[in-house]
Amino acid sequence: MATATVTSKGQITIPVEVRRDLGLRPGSRVDFIRLDDGAYEIVPVTGSVRALKGLIPAPAVPVSLEDMDAAIAESAAGDAER
């Protein structure tokens, strides 16, 4: 079993095997969930969609809504033929 010590500032270092098992990296966030029996569960926080902003660069040429609608209609027509 992994063990950690609480510092005077209330901090702990999560043991490497626990970080590995939970997929934690520097900057990862965790939630402490209180269970019915009073124990706590540590759960990695999954990122929000907002965290993905800027991950994919903007297209070099913007696409209009009309072009998107036309592409969707074309694809739908092709699916109907199959």
PDB file of N, CA and C in Angstrom:
ATOM      1  N   MET A   1       0.841  -1.171   0.000  1.00  0.00           N
ATOM      2  CA  MET A   1       0.000   0.000   0.000  1.00  0.00           C
ATOM      3  C   MET A   1       0.891   1.240   0.000  1.00  0.00           C
ATOM      4  N   ALA A   2       0.504   2.234  -0.811  1.00  0.00           N
ATOM      5  CA  ALA A   2       1.255   3.478  -0.890  1.00  0.00           C
ATOM      6  C   ALA A   2       0.853   4.396   0.264  1.00  0.00           C
ATOM      7  N   THR A   3       1.840   5.106   0.802  1.00  0.00           N
ATOM      8  CA  THR A   3       1.600   6.006   1.928  1.00  0.00           C
ATOM      9  C   THR A   3       2.222   7.359   1.633  1.00  0.00           C
ATOM     10  N   ALA A   4       1.574   8.443   2.090  1.00  0.00           N
ATOM     11  CA  ALA A   4       2.111   9.788   1.947  1.00  0.00           C
ATOM     12  C   ALA A   4       1.994  10.499   3.285  1.00  0.00           C
ATOM     13  N   THR A   5       2.825  11.492   3.500  1.00  0.00           N
ATOM     14  CA  THR A   5       2.822  12.275   4.727  1.00  0.00           C
ATOM     15  C   THR A   5       2.295  13.670   4.427  1.00  0.00           C
ATOM     16  N   VAL A   6       1.435  14.180   5.279  1.00  0.00           N
ATOM     17  CA  VAL A   6       0.898  15.532   5.128  1.00  0.00           C
ATOM     18  C   VAL A   6       1.892  16.513   5.732  1.00  0.00           C
ATOM     19  N   THR A   7       2.238  17.574   4.977  1.00  0.00           N
ATOM     20  CA  THR A   7       3.163  18.597   5.476  1.00  0.00           C
ATOM     21  C   THR A   7       2.408  19.591   6.350  1.00  0.00           C
ATOM     22  N   SER A   8       3.139  20.506   6.964  1.00  0.00           N
ATOM     23  CA  SER A   8       2.515  21.537   7.803  1.00  0.00           C
ATOM     24  C   SER A   8       1.605  22.452   6.989  1.00  0.00           C
ATOM     25  N   LYS A   9       1.801  22.516   5.680  1.00  0.00           N
ATOM     26  CA  LYS A   9       0.944  23.316   4.803  1.00  0.00           C
ATOM     27  C   LYS A   9      -0.240  22.510   4.277  1.00  0.00           C
ATOM     28  N   GLY A  10      -0.392  21.259   4.716  1.00  0.00           N
ATOM     29  CA  GLY A  10      -1.506  20.429   4.274  1.00  0.00           C
ATOM     30  C   GLY A  10      -1.273  19.783   2.921  1.00  0.00           C
ATOM     31  N   GLN A  11      -0.034  19.723   2.478  1.00  0.00           N
ATOM     32  CA  GLN A  11       0.283  19.153   1.176  1.00  0.00           C
ATOM     33  C   GLN A  11       0.805  17.734   1.320  1.00  0.00           C
ATOM     34  N   ILE A  12       0.615  16.943   0.246  1.00  0.00           N
ATOM     35  CA  ILE A  12       1.193  15.601   0.193  1.00  0.00           C
ATOM     36  C   ILE A  12       1.836  15.413  -1.173  1.00  0.00           C
ATOM     37  N   THR A  13       2.763  14.493  -1.239  1.00  0.00           N
ATOM     38  CA  THR A  13       3.304  14.049  -2.514  1.00  0.00           C
ATOM     39  C   THR A  13       2.660  12.702  -2.804  1.00  0.00           C
ATOM     40  N   ILE A  14       1.975  12.626  -3.931  1.00  0.00           N
ATOM     41  CA  ILE A  14       1.317  11.370  -4.306  1.00  0.00           C
ATOM     42  C   ILE A  14       2.395  10.407  -4.779  1.00  0.00           C
ATOM     43  N   PRO A  15       2.453   9.224  -4.202  1.00  0.00           N
ATOM     44  CA  PRO A  15       3.491   8.260  -4.577  1.00  0.00           C
ATOM     45  C   PRO A  15       3.471   7.955  -6.080  1.00  0.00           C
ATOM     46  N   VAL A  16       4.636   7.701  -6.630  1.00  0.00           N
ATOM     47  CA  VAL A  16       4.791   7.508  -8.074  1.00  0.00           C
ATOM     48  C   VAL A  16       3.893   6.402  -8.615  1.00  0.00           C
ATOM     49  N   GLU A  17       3.739   5.304  -7.875  1.00  0.00           N
ATOM     50  CA  GLU A  17       2.909   4.218  -8.396  1.00  0.00           C
ATOM     51  C   GLU A  17       1.432   4.625  -8.470  1.00  0.00           C
ATOM     52  N   VAL A  18       1.004   5.470  -7.525  1.00  0.00           N
ATOM     53  CA  VAL A  18      -0.378   5.956  -7.551  1.00  0.00           C
ATOM     54  C   VAL A  18      -0.560   6.934  -8.711  1.00  0.00           C
ATOM     55  N   ARG A  19       0.408   7.846  -8.898  1.00  0.00           N
ATOM     56  CA  ARG A  19       0.343   8.780 -10.034  1.00  0.00           C
ATOM     57  C   ARG A  19       0.290   8.023 -11.346  1.00  0.00           C
ATOM     58  N   ARG A  20       1.095   6.991 -11.455  1.00  0.00           N
ATOM     59  CA  ARG A  20       1.126   6.190 -12.679  1.00  0.00           C
ATOM     60  C   ARG A  20      -0.218   5.493 -12.890  1.00  0.00           C
ATOM     61  N   ASP A  21      -0.744   4.864 -11.850  1.00  0.00           N
ATOM     62  CA  ASP A  21      -2.011   4.144 -11.962  1.00  0.00           C
ATOM     63  C   ASP A  21      -3.175   5.073 -12.326  1.00  0.00           C
ATOM     64  N   LEU A  22      -3.148   6.312 -11.808  1.00  0.00           N
ATOM     65  CA  LEU A  22      -4.226   7.259 -12.074  1.00  0.00           C
ATOM     66  C   LEU A  22      -3.992   8.079 -13.346  1.00  0.00           C
ATOM     67  N   GLY A  23      -2.813   7.921 -13.949  1.00  0.00           N
ATOM     68  CA  GLY A  23      -2.506   8.678 -15.157  1.00  0.00           C
ATOM     69  C   GLY A  23      -2.261  10.154 -14.882  1.00  0.00           C
ATOM     70  N   LEU A  24      -1.741  10.465 -13.698  1.00  0.00           N
ATOM     71  CA  LEU A  24      -1.502  11.860 -13.329  1.00  0.00           C
ATOM     72  C   LEU A  24      -0.164  12.342 -13.851  1.00  0.00           C
ATOM     73  N   ARG A  25      -0.165  13.566 -14.310  1.00  0.00           N
ATOM     74  CA  ARG A  25       1.044  14.230 -14.809  1.00  0.00           C
ATOM     75  C   ARG A  25       1.168  15.560 -14.063  1.00  0.00           C
ATOM     76  N   PRO A  26       2.310  16.230 -14.144  1.00  0.00           N
ATOM     77  CA  PRO A  26       2.405  17.555 -13.524  1.00  0.00           C
ATOM     78  C   PRO A  26       1.286  18.464 -14.038  1.00  0.00           C
ATOM     79  N   GLY A  27       0.604  19.115 -13.121  1.00  0.00           N
ATOM     80  CA  GLY A  27      -0.512  19.978 -13.489  1.00  0.00           C
ATOM     81  C   GLY A  27      -1.863  19.287 -13.478  1.00  0.00           C
ATOM     82  N   SER A  28      -1.873  17.946 -13.331  1.00  0.00           N
ATOM     83  CA  SER A  28      -3.147  17.222 -13.261  1.00  0.00           C
ATOM     84  C   SER A  28      -3.909  17.654 -12.017  1.00  0.00           C
ATOM     85  N   ARG A  29      -5.224  17.571 -12.104  1.00  0.00           N
ATOM     86  CA  ARG A  29      -6.077  17.906 -10.968  1.00  0.00           C
ATOM     87  C   ARG A  29      -6.791  16.639 -10.507  1.00  0.00           C
ATOM     88  N   VAL A  30      -7.067  16.584  -9.202  1.00  0.00           N
ATOM     89  CA  VAL A  30      -7.804  15.449  -8.651  1.00  0.00           C
ATOM     90  C   VAL A  30      -8.960  15.970  -7.810  1.00  0.00           C
ATOM     91  N   ASP A  31     -10.035  15.189  -7.768  1.00  0.00           N
ATOM     92  CA  ASP A  31     -11.174  15.467  -6.895  1.00  0.00           C
ATOM     93  C   ASP A  31     -11.107  14.510  -5.713  1.00  0.00           C
ATOM     94  N   PHE A  32     -11.508  14.998  -4.542  1.00  0.00           N
ATOM     95  CA  PHE A  32     -11.635  14.160  -3.354  1.00  0.00           C
ATOM     96  C   PHE A  32     -13.127  13.975  -3.130  1.00  0.00           C
ATOM     97  N   ILE A  33     -13.600  12.756  -3.293  1.00  0.00           N
ATOM     98  CA  ILE A  33     -15.026  12.455  -3.191  1.00  0.00           C
ATOM     99  C   ILE A  33     -15.279  11.701  -1.892  1.00  0.00           C
ATOM    100  N   ARG A  34     -16.147  12.292  -1.061  1.00  0.00           N
ATOM    101  CA  ARG A  34     -16.483  11.634   0.212  1.00  0.00           C
ATOM    102  C   ARG A  34     -17.504  10.540  -0.048  1.00  0.00           C
ATOM    103  N   LEU A  35     -17.207   9.346   0.413  1.00  0.00           N
ATOM    104  CA  LEU A  35     -18.094   8.205   0.260  1.00  0.00           C
ATOM    105  C   LEU A  35     -19.055   8.117   1.442  1.00  0.00           C
ATOM    106  N   ASP A  36     -20.088   7.305   1.302  1.00  0.00           N
ATOM    107  CA  ASP A  36     -21.105   7.167   2.345  1.00  0.00           C
ATOM    108  C   ASP A  36     -20.526   6.721   3.688  1.00  0.00           C
ATOM    109  N   ASP A  37     -19.461   5.927   3.636  1.00  0.00           N
ATOM    110  CA  ASP A  37     -18.885   5.421   4.884  1.00  0.00           C
ATOM    111  C   ASP A  37     -17.888   6.392   5.517  1.00  0.00           C
ATOM    112  N   GLY A  38     -17.734   7.602   4.919  1.00  0.00           N
ATOM    113  CA  GLY A  38     -16.828   8.606   5.471  1.00  0.00           C
ATOM    114  C   GLY A  38     -15.435   8.572   4.873  1.00  0.00           C
ATOM    115  N   ALA A  39     -15.113   7.510   4.130  1.00  0.00           N
ATOM    116  CA  ALA A  39     -13.815   7.436   3.459  1.00  0.00           C
ATOM    117  C   ALA A  39     -13.827   8.366   2.249  1.00  0.00           C
ATOM    118  N   TYR A  40     -12.669   8.633   1.704  1.00  0.00           N
ATOM    119  CA  TYR A  40     -12.552   9.473   0.522  1.00  0.00           C
ATOM    120  C   TYR A  40     -11.970   8.699  -0.637  1.00  0.00           C
ATOM    121  N   GLU A  41     -12.407   9.058  -1.819  1.00  0.00           N
ATOM    122  CA  GLU A  41     -11.876   8.484  -3.047  1.00  0.00           C
ATOM    123  C   GLU A  41     -11.198   9.613  -3.808  1.00  0.00           C
ATOM    124  N   ILE A  42      -9.998   9.367  -4.331  1.00  0.00           N
ATOM    125  CA  ILE A  42      -9.273  10.349  -5.129  1.00  0.00           C
ATOM    126  C   ILE A  42      -9.483   9.990  -6.590  1.00  0.00           C
ATOM    127  N   VAL A  43     -10.038  10.926  -7.350  1.00  0.00           N
ATOM    128  CA  VAL A  43     -10.389  10.673  -8.743  1.00  0.00           C
ATOM    129  C   VAL A  43      -9.755  11.753  -9.625  1.00  0.00           C
ATOM    130  N   PRO A  44      -9.051  11.346 -10.683  1.00  0.00           N
ATOM    131  CA  PRO A  44      -8.507  12.355 -11.594  1.00  0.00           C
ATOM    132  C   PRO A  44      -9.638  13.164 -12.223  1.00  0.00           C
ATOM    133  N   VAL A  45      -9.439  14.469 -12.329  1.00  0.00           N
ATOM    134  CA  VAL A  45     -10.424  15.338 -12.970  1.00  0.00           C
ATOM    135  C   VAL A  45     -10.179  15.276 -14.468  1.00  0.00           C
ATOM    136  N   THR A  46     -11.242  14.960 -15.206  1.00  0.00           N
ATOM    137  CA  THR A  46     -11.110  14.972 -16.651  1.00  0.00           C
ATOM    138  C   THR A  46     -11.235  16.408 -17.113  1.00  0.00           C
ATOM    139  N   GLY A  47     -10.532  16.732 -18.160  1.00  0.00           N
ATOM    140  CA  GLY A  47     -10.546  18.100 -18.672  1.00  0.00           C
ATOM    141  C   GLY A  47     -11.878  18.476 -19.280  1.00  0.00           C
ATOM    142  N   SER A  48     -12.176  19.755 -19.229  1.00  0.00           N
ATOM    143  CA  SER A  48     -13.401  20.237 -19.844  1.00  0.00           C
ATOM    144  C   SER A  48     -13.145  20.513 -21.324  1.00  0.00           C
ATOM    145  N   VAL A  49     -14.195  20.645 -22.053  1.00  0.00           N
ATOM    146  CA  VAL A  49     -14.082  20.963 -23.479  1.00  0.00           C
ATOM    147  C   VAL A  49     -13.368  22.300 -23.653  1.00  0.00           C
ATOM    148  N   ARG A  50     -13.577  23.208 -22.733  1.00  0.00           N
ATOM    149  CA  ARG A  50     -12.934  24.524 -22.816  1.00  0.00           C
ATOM    150  C   ARG A  50     -11.413  24.412 -22.795  1.00  0.00           C
ATOM    151  N   ALA A  51     -10.881  23.380 -22.164  1.00  0.00           N
ATOM    152  CA  ALA A  51      -9.432  23.206 -22.107  1.00  0.00           C
ATOM    153  C   ALA A  51      -8.846  22.884 -23.473  1.00  0.00           C
ATOM    154  N   LEU A  52      -9.684  22.466 -24.408  1.00  0.00           N
ATOM    155  CA  LEU A  52      -9.213  22.123 -25.745  1.00  0.00           C
ATOM    156  C   LEU A  52      -9.091  23.334 -26.663  1.00  0.00           C
ATOM    157  N   LYS A  53      -9.614  24.482 -26.207  1.00  0.00           N
ATOM    158  CA  LYS A  53      -9.584  25.683 -27.034  1.00  0.00           C
ATOM    159  C   LYS A  53      -8.161  26.005 -27.458  1.00  0.00           C
ATOM    160  N   GLY A  54      -7.999  26.227 -28.757  1.00  0.00           N
ATOM    161  CA  GLY A  54      -6.691  26.571 -29.307  1.00  0.00           C
ATOM    162  C   GLY A  54      -5.815  25.380 -29.623  1.00  0.00           C
ATOM    163  N   LEU A  55      -6.264  24.177 -29.314  1.00  0.00           N
ATOM    164  CA  LEU A  55      -5.469  22.986 -29.573  1.00  0.00           C
ATOM    165  C   LEU A  55      -5.306  22.739 -31.065  1.00  0.00           C
ATOM    166  N   ILE A  56      -6.387  22.977 -31.820  1.00  0.00           N
ATOM    167  CA  ILE A  56      -6.359  22.790 -33.267  1.00  0.00           C
ATOM    168  C   ILE A  56      -6.338  24.171 -33.905  1.00  0.00           C
ATOM    169  N   PRO A  57      -5.384  24.436 -34.798  1.00  0.00           N
ATOM    170  CA  PRO A  57      -5.309  25.761 -35.402  1.00  0.00           C
ATOM    171  C   PRO A  57      -6.501  26.041 -36.311  1.00  0.00           C
ATOM    172  N   ALA A  58      -6.806  27.316 -36.477  1.00  0.00           N
ATOM    173  CA  ALA A  58      -7.887  27.722 -37.372  1.00  0.00           C
ATOM    174  C   ALA A  58      -7.528  27.328 -38.804  1.00  0.00           C
ATOM    175  N   PRO A  59      -8.529  27.000 -39.634  1.00  0.00           N
ATOM    176  CA  PRO A  59      -8.231  26.634 -41.019  1.00  0.00           C
ATOM    177  C   PRO A  59      -7.642  27.822 -41.780  1.00  0.00           C
ATOM    178  N   ALA A  60      -6.804  27.532 -42.761  1.00  0.00           N
ATOM    179  CA  ALA A  60      -6.183  28.594 -43.549  1.00  0.00           C
ATOM    180  C   ALA A  60      -7.240  29.375 -44.319  1.00  0.00           C
ATOM    181  N   VAL A  61      -8.251  28.661 -44.809  1.00  0.00           N
ATOM    182  CA  VAL A  61      -9.340  29.306 -45.547  1.00  0.00           C
ATOM    183  C   VAL A  61     -10.629  29.025 -44.778  1.00  0.00           C
ATOM    184  N   PRO A  62     -11.303  30.079 -44.314  1.00  0.00           N
ATOM    185  CA  PRO A  62     -12.555  29.845 -43.579  1.00  0.00           C
ATOM    186  C   PRO A  62     -13.619  29.224 -44.485  1.00  0.00           C
ATOM    187  N   VAL A  63     -14.487  28.425 -43.888  1.00  0.00           N
ATOM    188  CA  VAL A  63     -15.569  27.775 -44.629  1.00  0.00           C
ATOM    189  C   VAL A  63     -16.872  28.439 -44.208  1.00  0.00           C
ATOM    190  N   SER A  64     -17.678  28.814 -45.194  1.00  0.00           N
ATOM    191  CA  SER A  64     -18.947  29.473 -44.885  1.00  0.00           C
ATOM    192  C   SER A  64     -19.988  28.445 -44.446  1.00  0.00           C
ATOM    193  N   LEU A  65     -21.032  28.934 -43.801  1.00  0.00           N
ATOM    194  CA  LEU A  65     -22.122  28.046 -43.402  1.00  0.00           C
ATOM    195  C   LEU A  65     -22.777  27.411 -44.621  1.00  0.00           C
ATOM    196  N   GLU A  66     -22.862  28.168 -45.703  1.00  0.00           N
ATOM    197  CA  GLU A  66     -23.455  27.629 -46.935  1.00  0.00           C
ATOM    198  C   GLU A  66     -22.621  26.466 -47.467  1.00  0.00           C
ATOM    199  N   ASP A  67     -21.295  26.620 -47.446  1.00  0.00           N
ATOM    200  CA  ASP A  67     -20.413  25.539 -47.903  1.00  0.00           C
ATOM    201  C   ASP A  67     -20.559  24.302 -47.011  1.00  0.00           C
ATOM    202  N   MET A  68     -20.689  24.530 -45.692  1.00  0.00           N
ATOM    203  CA  MET A  68     -20.865  23.404 -44.773  1.00  0.00           C
ATOM    204  C   MET A  68     -22.187  22.690 -45.052  1.00  0.00           C
ATOM    205  N   ASP A  69     -23.261  23.473 -45.239  1.00  0.00           N
ATOM    206  CA  ASP A  69     -24.568  22.884 -45.542  1.00  0.00           C
ATOM    207  C   ASP A  69     -24.524  22.077 -46.836  1.00  0.00           C
ATOM    208  N   ALA A  70     -23.835  22.604 -47.848  1.00  0.00           N
ATOM    209  CA  ALA A  70     -23.729  21.909 -49.130  1.00  0.00           C
ATOM    210  C   ALA A  70     -22.962  20.589 -48.969  1.00  0.00           C
ATOM    211  N   ALA A  71     -21.884  20.615 -48.189  1.00  0.00           N
ATOM    212  CA  ALA A  71     -21.092  19.400 -47.966  1.00  0.00           C
ATOM    213  C   ALA A  71     -21.913  18.351 -47.222  1.00  0.00           C
ATOM    214  N   ILE A  72     -22.702  18.786 -46.247  1.00  0.00           N
ATOM    215  CA  ILE A  72     -23.550  17.851 -45.491  1.00  0.00           C
ATOM    216  C   ILE A  72     -24.603  17.243 -46.404  1.00  0.00           C
ATOM    217  N   ALA A  73     -25.234  18.079 -47.231  1.00  0.00           N
ATOM    218  CA  ALA A  73     -26.258  17.591 -48.158  1.00  0.00           C
ATOM    219  C   ALA A  73     -25.658  16.610 -49.153  1.00  0.00           C
ATOM    220  N   GLU A  74     -24.468  16.922 -49.645  1.00  0.00           N
ATOM    221  CA  GLU A  74     -23.791  16.042 -50.603  1.00  0.00           C
ATOM    222  C   GLU A  74     -23.469  14.695 -49.955  1.00  0.00           C
ATOM    223  N   SER A  75     -22.990  14.735 -48.731  1.00  0.00           N
ATOM    224  CA  SER A  75     -22.667  13.497 -48.031  1.00  0.00           C
ATOM    225  C   SER A  75     -23.924  12.685 -47.757  1.00  0.00           C
ATOM    226  N   ALA A  76     -25.001  13.360 -47.352  1.00  0.00           N
ATOM    227  CA  ALA A  76     -26.262  12.671 -47.079  1.00  0.00           C
ATOM    228  C   ALA A  76     -26.807  12.018 -48.336  1.00  0.00           C
ATOM    229  N   ALA A  77     -26.679  12.701 -49.457  1.00  0.00           N
ATOM    230  CA  ALA A  77     -27.158  12.150 -50.738  1.00  0.00           C
ATOM    231  C   ALA A  77     -26.329  10.913 -51.108  1.00  0.00           C
ATOM    232  N   GLY A  78     -25.041  10.976 -50.865  1.00  0.00           N
ATOM    233  CA  GLY A  78     -24.169   9.817 -51.157  1.00  0.00           C
ATOM    234  C   GLY A  78     -24.493   8.641 -50.261  1.00  0.00           C
ATOM    235  N   ASP A  79     -24.828   8.885 -49.001  1.00  0.00           N
ATOM    236  CA  ASP A  79     -25.205   7.818 -48.068  1.00  0.00           C
ATOM    237  C   ASP A  79     -26.503   7.165 -48.486  1.00  0.00           C
ATOM    238  N   ALA A  80     -27.439   7.959 -49.020  1.00  0.00           N
ATOM    239  CA  ALA A  80     -28.740   7.440 -49.441  1.00  0.00           C
ATOM    240  C   ALA A  80     -28.605   6.528 -50.655  1.00  0.00           C
ATOM    241  N   GLU A  81     -27.592   6.779 -51.493  1.00  0.00           N
ATOM    242  CA  GLU A  81     -27.379   5.960 -52.695  1.00  0.00           C
ATOM    243  C   GLU A  81     -26.780   4.610 -52.372  1.00  0.00           C
ATOM    244  N   ARG A  82     -26.155   4.470 -51.230  1.00  0.00           N
ATOM    245  CA  ARG A  82     -25.464   3.219 -50.876  1.00  0.00           C
ATOM    246  C   ARG A  82     -26.399   2.191 -50.422  1.00  0.00           C
TER     247      ARG A  82
END
